């Protein structure tokens, strides 16, 4: 499937150090709900990873597993590569790709993540279907989207 309505996507822009600092600071908050569902050795894809700060943190959570961040914009991926190198994180990779056409085989990942992506897409359902395609049966998906006032967690949080 090709990208729906080319030119209708609204990706965020990172133009300065302040923006990168904001993304880095909120990474821990954003990933907190997903962390209990991750384990060492998983293979994870971060769709629409932008500057990669979340991807690098997720890579640490699943080490020695592999985290792959994808984004349409090659220049955004540069930030993730630099951060991984600065922090000595070697189990992470970044690749320019479309969320509508992930360049991976069916059932390639144990976990998937997307932060502030769906709200910018012309066809979010198509993107979710593509993420599901590359997710293994029983895999976990974490979605963070700022356009909704509701909070939903799946799988449901385990209560003590």
C-alpha atoms as a PDB file:
ATOM      1  CA  UNK A   1       0.000   0.000   0.000  1.00  0.00           C
ATOM      2  CA  UNK A   2       1.340   3.435  -0.853  1.00  0.00           C
ATOM      3  CA  UNK A   3       1.117   6.369   1.504  1.00  0.00           C
ATOM      4  CA  UNK A   4      -2.458   7.694   1.620  1.00  0.00           C
ATOM      5  CA  UNK A   5      -2.924  11.157   0.179  1.00  0.00           C
ATOM      6  CA  UNK A   6       0.732  12.192  -0.104  1.00  0.00           C
ATOM      7  CA  UNK A   7       1.354  15.614   1.339  1.00  0.00           C
ATOM      8  CA  UNK A   8      -1.454  15.423   3.903  1.00  0.00           C
ATOM      9  CA  UNK A   9       0.745  14.223   6.765  1.00  0.00           C
ATOM     10  CA  UNK A  10       1.691  16.818   9.385  1.00  0.00           C
ATOM     11  CA  UNK A  11       5.032  15.735  10.945  1.00  0.00           C
ATOM     12  CA  UNK A  12       6.468  17.827  13.752  1.00  0.00           C
ATOM     13  CA  UNK A  13       9.685  19.710  13.182  1.00  0.00           C
ATOM     14  CA  UNK A  14      12.791  19.763  15.351  1.00  0.00           C
ATOM     15  CA  UNK A  15      14.699  22.914  14.677  1.00  0.00           C
ATOM     16  CA  UNK A  16      16.623  23.720  17.822  1.00  0.00           C
ATOM     17  CA  UNK A  17      18.306  22.477  20.969  1.00  0.00           C
ATOM     18  CA  UNK A  18      15.285  23.405  23.107  1.00  0.00           C
ATOM     19  CA  UNK A  19      13.008  21.034  21.186  1.00  0.00           C
ATOM     20  CA  UNK A  20      15.498  18.170  21.502  1.00  0.00           C
ATOM     21  CA  UNK A  21      15.812  18.828  25.248  1.00  0.00           C
ATOM     22  CA  UNK A  22      12.034  18.717  25.707  1.00  0.00           C
ATOM     23  CA  UNK A  23      11.831  15.360  23.903  1.00  0.00           C
ATOM     24  CA  UNK A  24      14.696  13.952  25.963  1.00  0.00           C
ATOM     25  CA  UNK A  25      13.187  15.067  29.283  1.00  0.00           C
ATOM     26  CA  UNK A  26       9.761  13.616  28.640  1.00  0.00           C
ATOM     27  CA  UNK A  27      11.045  10.264  27.387  1.00  0.00           C
ATOM     28  CA  UNK A  28      10.902   8.622  30.807  1.00  0.00           C
ATOM     29  CA  UNK A  29       7.359   9.821  31.388  1.00  0.00           C
ATOM     30  CA  UNK A  30       6.184   8.684  27.979  1.00  0.00           C
ATOM     31  CA  UNK A  31       7.668   5.185  28.250  1.00  0.00           C
ATOM     32  CA  UNK A  32       6.668   4.491  31.860  1.00  0.00           C
ATOM     33  CA  UNK A  33       3.418   2.735  30.947  1.00  0.00           C
ATOM     34  CA  UNK A  34       5.144   0.425  28.461  1.00  0.00           C
ATOM     35  CA  UNK A  35       8.197  -0.499  30.550  1.00  0.00           C
ATOM     36  CA  UNK A  36       6.444  -3.192  32.655  1.00  0.00           C
ATOM     37  CA  UNK A  37       5.577  -5.042  29.439  1.00  0.00           C
ATOM     38  CA  UNK A  38       9.122  -5.056  28.062  1.00  0.00           C
ATOM     39  CA  UNK A  39      11.806  -7.632  28.788  1.00  0.00           C
ATOM     40  CA  UNK A  40      15.417  -8.250  27.925  1.00  0.00           C
ATOM     41  CA  UNK A  41      15.960  -9.770  24.499  1.00  0.00           C
ATOM     42  CA  UNK A  42      12.864  -8.364  22.816  1.00  0.00           C
ATOM     43  CA  UNK A  43      12.926  -6.919  19.318  1.00  0.00           C
ATOM     44  CA  UNK A  44      11.107  -3.561  19.233  1.00  0.00           C
ATOM     45  CA  UNK A  45      10.130  -1.091  16.528  1.00  0.00           C
ATOM     46  CA  UNK A  46       9.546   2.582  17.305  1.00  0.00           C
ATOM     47  CA  UNK A  47       7.383   4.001  14.515  1.00  0.00           C
ATOM     48  CA  UNK A  48       7.784   7.692  13.811  1.00  0.00           C
ATOM     49  CA  UNK A  49      10.714   7.915  16.217  1.00  0.00           C
ATOM     50  CA  UNK A  50      11.689  11.479  15.337  1.00  0.00           C
ATOM     51  CA  UNK A  51      14.886  12.467  17.149  1.00  0.00           C
ATOM     52  CA  UNK A  52      15.242   8.972  18.643  1.00  0.00           C
ATOM     53  CA  UNK A  53      15.532   9.807  22.350  1.00  0.00           C
ATOM     54  CA  UNK A  54      12.670   7.464  23.217  1.00  0.00           C
ATOM     55  CA  UNK A  55      14.049   4.763  20.925  1.00  0.00           C
ATOM     56  CA  UNK A  56      17.432   4.879  22.656  1.00  0.00           C
ATOM     57  CA  UNK A  57      15.776   4.604  26.081  1.00  0.00           C
ATOM     58  CA  UNK A  58      13.657   1.676  24.904  1.00  0.00           C
ATOM     59  CA  UNK A  59      16.792  -0.022  23.568  1.00  0.00           C
ATOM     60  CA  UNK A  60      18.252   0.100  27.070  1.00  0.00           C
ATOM     61  CA  UNK A  61      15.067  -1.480  28.478  1.00  0.00           C
ATOM     62  CA  UNK A  62      15.248  -4.476  26.137  1.00  0.00           C
ATOM     63  CA  UNK A  63      19.030  -5.008  25.949  1.00  0.00           C
ATOM     64  CA  UNK A  64      20.487  -7.256  24.635  1.00  0.00           C
ATOM     65  CA  UNK A  65      17.467  -7.199  22.305  1.00  0.00           C
ATOM     66  CA  UNK A  66      17.250  -4.805  19.379  1.00  0.00           C
ATOM     67  CA  UNK A  67      15.330  -1.564  18.970  1.00  0.00           C
ATOM     68  CA  UNK A  68      14.743  -0.047  15.549  1.00  0.00           C
ATOM     69  CA  UNK A  69      13.493   3.492  15.092  1.00  0.00           C
ATOM     70  CA  UNK A  70      11.838   4.422  11.828  1.00  0.00           C
ATOM     71  CA  UNK A  71      10.918   7.852  10.556  1.00  0.00           C
ATOM     72  CA  UNK A  72      10.324   9.371   7.144  1.00  0.00           C
ATOM     73  CA  UNK A  73      12.845  12.137   7.733  1.00  0.00           C
ATOM     74  CA  UNK A  74      16.462  11.080   7.508  1.00  0.00           C
ATOM     75  CA  UNK A  75      17.604  14.304   9.186  1.00  0.00           C
ATOM     76  CA  UNK A  76      15.564  13.441  12.311  1.00  0.00           C
ATOM     77  CA  UNK A  77      17.220  10.017  12.500  1.00  0.00           C
ATOM     78  CA  UNK A  78      20.636  11.673  12.698  1.00  0.00           C
ATOM     79  CA  UNK A  79      19.806  12.909  16.198  1.00  0.00           C
ATOM     80  CA  UNK A  80      18.995   9.368  17.361  1.00  0.00           C
ATOM     81  CA  UNK A  81      22.197   7.973  15.940  1.00  0.00           C
ATOM     82  CA  UNK A  82      24.232  10.697  17.650  1.00  0.00           C
ATOM     83  CA  UNK A  83      22.477  10.149  20.995  1.00  0.00           C
ATOM     84  CA  UNK A  84      23.024   6.373  20.841  1.00  0.00           C
ATOM     85  CA  UNK A  85      26.704   6.930  20.088  1.00  0.00           C
ATOM     86  CA  UNK A  86      27.076   9.472  22.925  1.00  0.00           C
ATOM     87  CA  UNK A  87      25.467   7.061  25.392  1.00  0.00           C
ATOM     88  CA  UNK A  88      27.231   3.952  24.094  1.00  0.00           C
ATOM     89  CA  UNK A  89      23.973   2.193  23.181  1.00  0.00           C
ATOM     90  CA  UNK A  90      24.769  -0.379  20.506  1.00  0.00           C
ATOM     91  CA  UNK A  91      21.513  -2.351  20.266  1.00  0.00           C
ATOM     92  CA  UNK A  92      19.635   0.390  18.418  1.00  0.00           C
ATOM     93  CA  UNK A  93      19.373   1.229  14.728  1.00  0.00           C
ATOM     94  CA  UNK A  94      17.554   3.926  12.783  1.00  0.00           C
ATOM     95  CA  UNK A  95      16.077   3.636   9.315  1.00  0.00           C
ATOM     96  CA  UNK A  96      14.161   5.955   7.021  1.00  0.00           C
ATOM     97  CA  UNK A  97      10.840   4.270   6.252  1.00  0.00           C
ATOM     98  CA  UNK A  98       7.115   4.887   6.001  1.00  0.00           C
ATOM     99  CA  UNK A  99       4.802   3.729   8.769  1.00  0.00           C
ATOM    100  CA  UNK A 100       2.457   2.636   5.964  1.00  0.00           C
ATOM    101  CA  UNK A 101       5.080   0.338   4.389  1.00  0.00           C
ATOM    102  CA  UNK A 102       7.378  -1.011   7.081  1.00  0.00           C
ATOM    103  CA  UNK A 103      10.345  -2.761   5.455  1.00  0.00           C
ATOM    104  CA  UNK A 104      10.106  -5.844   7.679  1.00  0.00           C
ATOM    105  CA  UNK A 105       8.548  -9.278   7.379  1.00  0.00           C
ATOM    106  CA  UNK A 106       5.310 -10.232   9.083  1.00  0.00           C
ATOM    107  CA  UNK A 107       5.694 -11.010  12.805  1.00  0.00           C
ATOM    108  CA  UNK A 108       9.202  -9.511  13.032  1.00  0.00           C
ATOM    109  CA  UNK A 109       8.838  -7.696  16.372  1.00  0.00           C
ATOM    110  CA  UNK A 110       7.885  -8.527  19.951  1.00  0.00           C
ATOM    111  CA  UNK A 111       6.901  -4.929  20.699  1.00  0.00           C
ATOM    112  CA  UNK A 112       5.950  -1.774  18.839  1.00  0.00           C
ATOM    113  CA  UNK A 113       5.739   1.828  19.959  1.00  0.00           C
ATOM    114  CA  UNK A 114       4.469   5.062  18.431  1.00  0.00           C
ATOM    115  CA  UNK A 115       4.521   8.424  20.193  1.00  0.00           C
ATOM    116  CA  UNK A 116       2.702  11.477  18.841  1.00  0.00           C
ATOM    117  CA  UNK A 117       2.402   9.903  15.399  1.00  0.00           C
ATOM    118  CA  UNK A 118      -1.201   8.873  14.799  1.00  0.00           C
ATOM    119  CA  UNK A 119      -2.490  12.412  15.336  1.00  0.00           C
ATOM    120  CA  UNK A 120      -0.416  13.569  12.370  1.00  0.00           C
ATOM    121  CA  UNK A 121      -1.432  10.871   9.894  1.00  0.00           C
ATOM    122  CA  UNK A 122      -3.987  11.083   7.112  1.00  0.00           C
ATOM    123  CA  UNK A 123      -4.786   7.357   7.566  1.00  0.00           C
ATOM    124  CA  UNK A 124      -4.015   6.273  11.154  1.00  0.00           C
ATOM    125  CA  UNK A 125      -5.953   2.999  10.820  1.00  0.00           C
ATOM    126  CA  UNK A 126      -3.786   1.965   7.850  1.00  0.00           C
ATOM    127  CA  UNK A 127      -0.691   2.703   9.936  1.00  0.00           C
ATOM    128  CA  UNK A 128      -2.016   0.639  12.864  1.00  0.00           C
ATOM    129  CA  UNK A 129      -2.726  -2.279  10.540  1.00  0.00           C
ATOM    130  CA  UNK A 130       0.825  -2.117   9.202  1.00  0.00           C
ATOM    131  CA  UNK A 131       2.268  -2.020  12.728  1.00  0.00           C
ATOM    132  CA  UNK A 132       0.115  -5.032  13.620  1.00  0.00           C
ATOM    133  CA  UNK A 133       1.432  -6.880  10.560  1.00  0.00           C
ATOM    134  CA  UNK A 134       5.030  -6.709  11.784  1.00  0.00           C
ATOM    135  CA  UNK A 135       4.097  -7.501  15.395  1.00  0.00           C
ATOM    136  CA  UNK A 136       4.318 -11.130  16.544  1.00  0.00           C
ATOM    137  CA  UNK A 137       1.179 -12.804  17.885  1.00  0.00           C
ATOM    138  CA  UNK A 138       0.954 -11.901  21.560  1.00  0.00           C
ATOM    139  CA  UNK A 139       3.235  -8.906  21.049  1.00  0.00           C
ATOM    140  CA  UNK A 140       2.754  -5.632  22.880  1.00  0.00           C
ATOM    141  CA  UNK A 141       2.051  -2.238  21.364  1.00  0.00           C
ATOM    142  CA  UNK A 142       2.317   1.124  23.084  1.00  0.00           C
ATOM    143  CA  UNK A 143       0.659   4.194  21.590  1.00  0.00           C
ATOM    144  CA  UNK A 144       0.971   7.716  22.953  1.00  0.00           C
ATOM    145  CA  UNK A 145      -1.125  10.309  21.197  1.00  0.00           C
ATOM    146  CA  UNK A 146      -1.672  13.849  22.358  1.00  0.00           C
ATOM    147  CA  UNK A 147      -4.926  14.464  20.549  1.00  0.00           C
ATOM    148  CA  UNK A 148      -7.108  12.505  22.972  1.00  0.00           C
ATOM    149  CA  UNK A 149      -8.139  13.315  26.541  1.00  0.00           C
ATOM    150  CA  UNK A 150      -8.692   9.656  27.424  1.00  0.00           C
ATOM    151  CA  UNK A 151      -6.036   7.256  28.658  1.00  0.00           C
ATOM    152  CA  UNK A 152      -6.206   3.647  27.518  1.00  0.00           C
ATOM    153  CA  UNK A 153      -3.643   0.973  28.230  1.00  0.00           C
ATOM    154  CA  UNK A 154      -3.488  -2.341  26.420  1.00  0.00           C
ATOM    155  CA  UNK A 155      -2.725  -4.842  27.603  1.00  0.00           C
ATOM    156  CA  UNK A 156      -4.380  -3.601  30.809  1.00  0.00           C
ATOM    157  CA  UNK A 157      -2.107  -2.707  33.683  1.00  0.00           C
ATOM    158  CA  UNK A 158      -1.725  -5.383  36.285  1.00  0.00           C
ATOM    159  CA  UNK A 159      -3.068  -4.193  39.625  1.00  0.00           C
ATOM    160  CA  UNK A 160      -1.430  -5.267  42.881  1.00  0.00           C
END
